[in-house]
Amino acid sequence: MDTPQAASQAVGILAELKPGMMISSLIYALIGMLVFGVAFLLFNKLMPFSVRKEIEEDQNTSLGIIIGSFLIGLAIIIAAAIH
């Protein structure tokens, strides 16, 4: 690996970044995290049981898998909507 060439490529990539692009990326990231957080809180409120108790105290592995799947699916949907 040629270190000077890699360094010049990194500088070239940084030079192509525009402030407007960076700001819009940050705004979209914040919107995505906000939607993700609201959906997770809504998920917890709609469950007829305590999600924390089921996972932490009762060691309900299947609920953990379901919640993990929900979060991954939600993240994919938010990423697709923002992109």
C-alpha atoms as a PDB file:
ATOM      1  CA  MET A   1       0.000   0.000   0.000  1.00  0.00           C
ATOM      2  CA  ASP A   2       1.412   3.325  -1.054  1.00  0.00           C
ATOM      3  CA  THR A   3       1.061   5.694   1.910  1.00  0.00           C
ATOM      4  CA  PRO A   4       1.559   9.019   0.060  1.00  0.00           C
ATOM      5  CA  GLN A   5      -1.023   7.990  -2.546  1.00  0.00           C
ATOM      6  CA  ALA A   6      -3.524   7.000   0.150  1.00  0.00           C
ATOM      7  CA  ALA A   7      -2.951  10.320   1.929  1.00  0.00           C
ATOM      8  CA  SER A   8      -3.501  12.288  -1.273  1.00  0.00           C
ATOM      9  CA  GLN A   9      -6.714  10.353  -1.952  1.00  0.00           C
ATOM     10  CA  ALA A  10      -7.971  11.164   1.560  1.00  0.00           C
ATOM     11  CA  VAL A  11      -7.216  14.864   1.045  1.00  0.00           C
ATOM     12  CA  GLY A  12      -8.984  14.745  -2.324  1.00  0.00           C
ATOM     13  CA  ILE A  13     -12.088  13.199  -0.755  1.00  0.00           C
ATOM     14  CA  LEU A  14     -12.144  15.823   1.985  1.00  0.00           C
ATOM     15  CA  ALA A  15     -11.762  18.597  -0.563  1.00  0.00           C
ATOM     16  CA  GLU A  16     -14.861  17.352  -2.416  1.00  0.00           C
ATOM     17  CA  LEU A  17     -17.067  17.630   0.680  1.00  0.00           C
ATOM     18  CA  LYS A  18     -19.277  20.649   0.704  1.00  0.00           C
ATOM     19  CA  PRO A  19     -20.644  22.240   3.905  1.00  0.00           C
ATOM     20  CA  GLY A  20     -24.221  22.015   2.618  1.00  0.00           C
ATOM     21  CA  MET A  21     -23.867  18.281   2.042  1.00  0.00           C
ATOM     22  CA  MET A  22     -22.457  17.739   5.511  1.00  0.00           C
ATOM     23  CA  ILE A  23     -25.237  19.765   7.165  1.00  0.00           C
ATOM     24  CA  SER A  24     -27.960  17.949   5.249  1.00  0.00           C
ATOM     25  CA  SER A  25     -26.409  14.599   6.192  1.00  0.00           C
ATOM     26  CA  LEU A  26     -26.421  15.594   9.858  1.00  0.00           C
ATOM     27  CA  ILE A  27     -30.027  16.771   9.648  1.00  0.00           C
ATOM     28  CA  TYR A  28     -31.129  13.511   8.006  1.00  0.00           C
ATOM     29  CA  ALA A  29     -29.222  11.509  10.615  1.00  0.00           C
ATOM     30  CA  LEU A  30     -30.923  13.412  13.432  1.00  0.00           C
ATOM     31  CA  ILE A  31     -34.347  12.961  11.835  1.00  0.00           C
ATOM     32  CA  GLY A  32     -33.683   9.246  11.433  1.00  0.00           C
ATOM     33  CA  MET A  33     -32.646   8.870  15.075  1.00  0.00           C
ATOM     34  CA  LEU A  34     -35.681  10.839  16.222  1.00  0.00           C
ATOM     35  CA  VAL A  35     -38.079   8.672  14.194  1.00  0.00           C
ATOM     36  CA  PHE A  36     -36.291   5.539  15.427  1.00  0.00           C
ATOM     37  CA  GLY A  37     -36.577   6.638  19.070  1.00  0.00           C
ATOM     38  CA  VAL A  38     -40.245   7.613  18.780  1.00  0.00           C
ATOM     39  CA  ALA A  39     -41.089   4.290  17.118  1.00  0.00           C
ATOM     40  CA  PHE A  40     -39.277   2.361  19.849  1.00  0.00           C
ATOM     41  CA  LEU A  41     -41.083   4.292  22.609  1.00  0.00           C
ATOM     42  CA  LEU A  42     -44.386   3.715  20.837  1.00  0.00           C
ATOM     43  CA  PHE A  43     -43.553   0.004  20.592  1.00  0.00           C
ATOM     44  CA  ASN A  44     -42.932  -0.127  24.356  1.00  0.00           C
ATOM     45  CA  LYS A  45     -46.178   1.718  25.141  1.00  0.00           C
ATOM     46  CA  LEU A  46     -48.300  -0.500  22.901  1.00  0.00           C
ATOM     47  CA  MET A  47     -47.081  -3.757  24.438  1.00  0.00           C
ATOM     48  CA  PRO A  48     -49.513  -5.141  27.055  1.00  0.00           C
ATOM     49  CA  PHE A  49     -46.561  -6.135  29.268  1.00  0.00           C
ATOM     50  CA  SER A  50     -43.322  -4.627  30.532  1.00  0.00           C
ATOM     51  CA  VAL A  51     -40.707  -5.201  27.846  1.00  0.00           C
ATOM     52  CA  ARG A  52     -37.891  -4.429  30.297  1.00  0.00           C
ATOM     53  CA  LYS A  53     -39.193  -6.949  32.855  1.00  0.00           C
ATOM     54  CA  GLU A  54     -39.679  -9.651  30.232  1.00  0.00           C
ATOM     55  CA  ILE A  55     -36.147  -9.295  28.850  1.00  0.00           C
ATOM     56  CA  GLU A  56     -34.128  -8.469  31.974  1.00  0.00           C
ATOM     57  CA  GLU A  57     -35.861 -10.367  34.759  1.00  0.00           C
ATOM     58  CA  ASP A  58     -37.629 -13.217  32.948  1.00  0.00           C
ATOM     59  CA  GLN A  59     -34.796 -13.717  30.418  1.00  0.00           C
ATOM     60  CA  ASN A  60     -37.281 -13.923  27.531  1.00  0.00           C
ATOM     61  CA  THR A  61     -34.901 -14.560  24.619  1.00  0.00           C
ATOM     62  CA  SER A  62     -37.637 -14.805  22.008  1.00  0.00           C
ATOM     63  CA  LEU A  63     -38.899 -11.313  22.867  1.00  0.00           C
ATOM     64  CA  GLY A  64     -35.359  -9.996  22.531  1.00  0.00           C
ATOM     65  CA  ILE A  65     -35.091 -11.551  19.077  1.00  0.00           C
ATOM     66  CA  ILE A  66     -38.442 -10.076  18.044  1.00  0.00           C
ATOM     67  CA  ILE A  67     -37.493  -6.600  19.281  1.00  0.00           C
ATOM     68  CA  GLY A  68     -34.095  -6.854  17.565  1.00  0.00           C
ATOM     69  CA  SER A  69     -35.807  -7.824  14.308  1.00  0.00           C
ATOM     70  CA  PHE A  70     -38.236  -4.934  14.694  1.00  0.00           C
ATOM     71  CA  LEU A  71     -35.394  -2.463  15.233  1.00  0.00           C
ATOM     72  CA  ILE A  72     -33.382  -3.730  12.266  1.00  0.00           C
ATOM     73  CA  GLY A  73     -36.446  -3.575  10.020  1.00  0.00           C
ATOM     74  CA  LEU A  74     -37.266  -0.089  11.246  1.00  0.00           C
ATOM     75  CA  ALA A  75     -33.704   1.062  10.607  1.00  0.00           C
ATOM     76  CA  ILE A  76     -33.835  -0.293   7.041  1.00  0.00           C
ATOM     77  CA  ILE A  77     -37.146   1.485   6.390  1.00  0.00           C
ATOM     78  CA  ILE A  78     -35.858   4.794   7.795  1.00  0.00           C
ATOM     79  CA  ALA A  79     -32.624   4.526   5.792  1.00  0.00           C
ATOM     80  CA  ALA A  80     -34.562   3.840   2.596  1.00  0.00           C
ATOM     81  CA  ALA A  81     -36.928   6.740   3.253  1.00  0.00           C
ATOM     82  CA  ILE A  82     -34.087   9.169   3.916  1.00  0.00           C
ATOM     83  CA  HIS A  83     -31.938   7.998   1.025  1.00  0.00           C
END
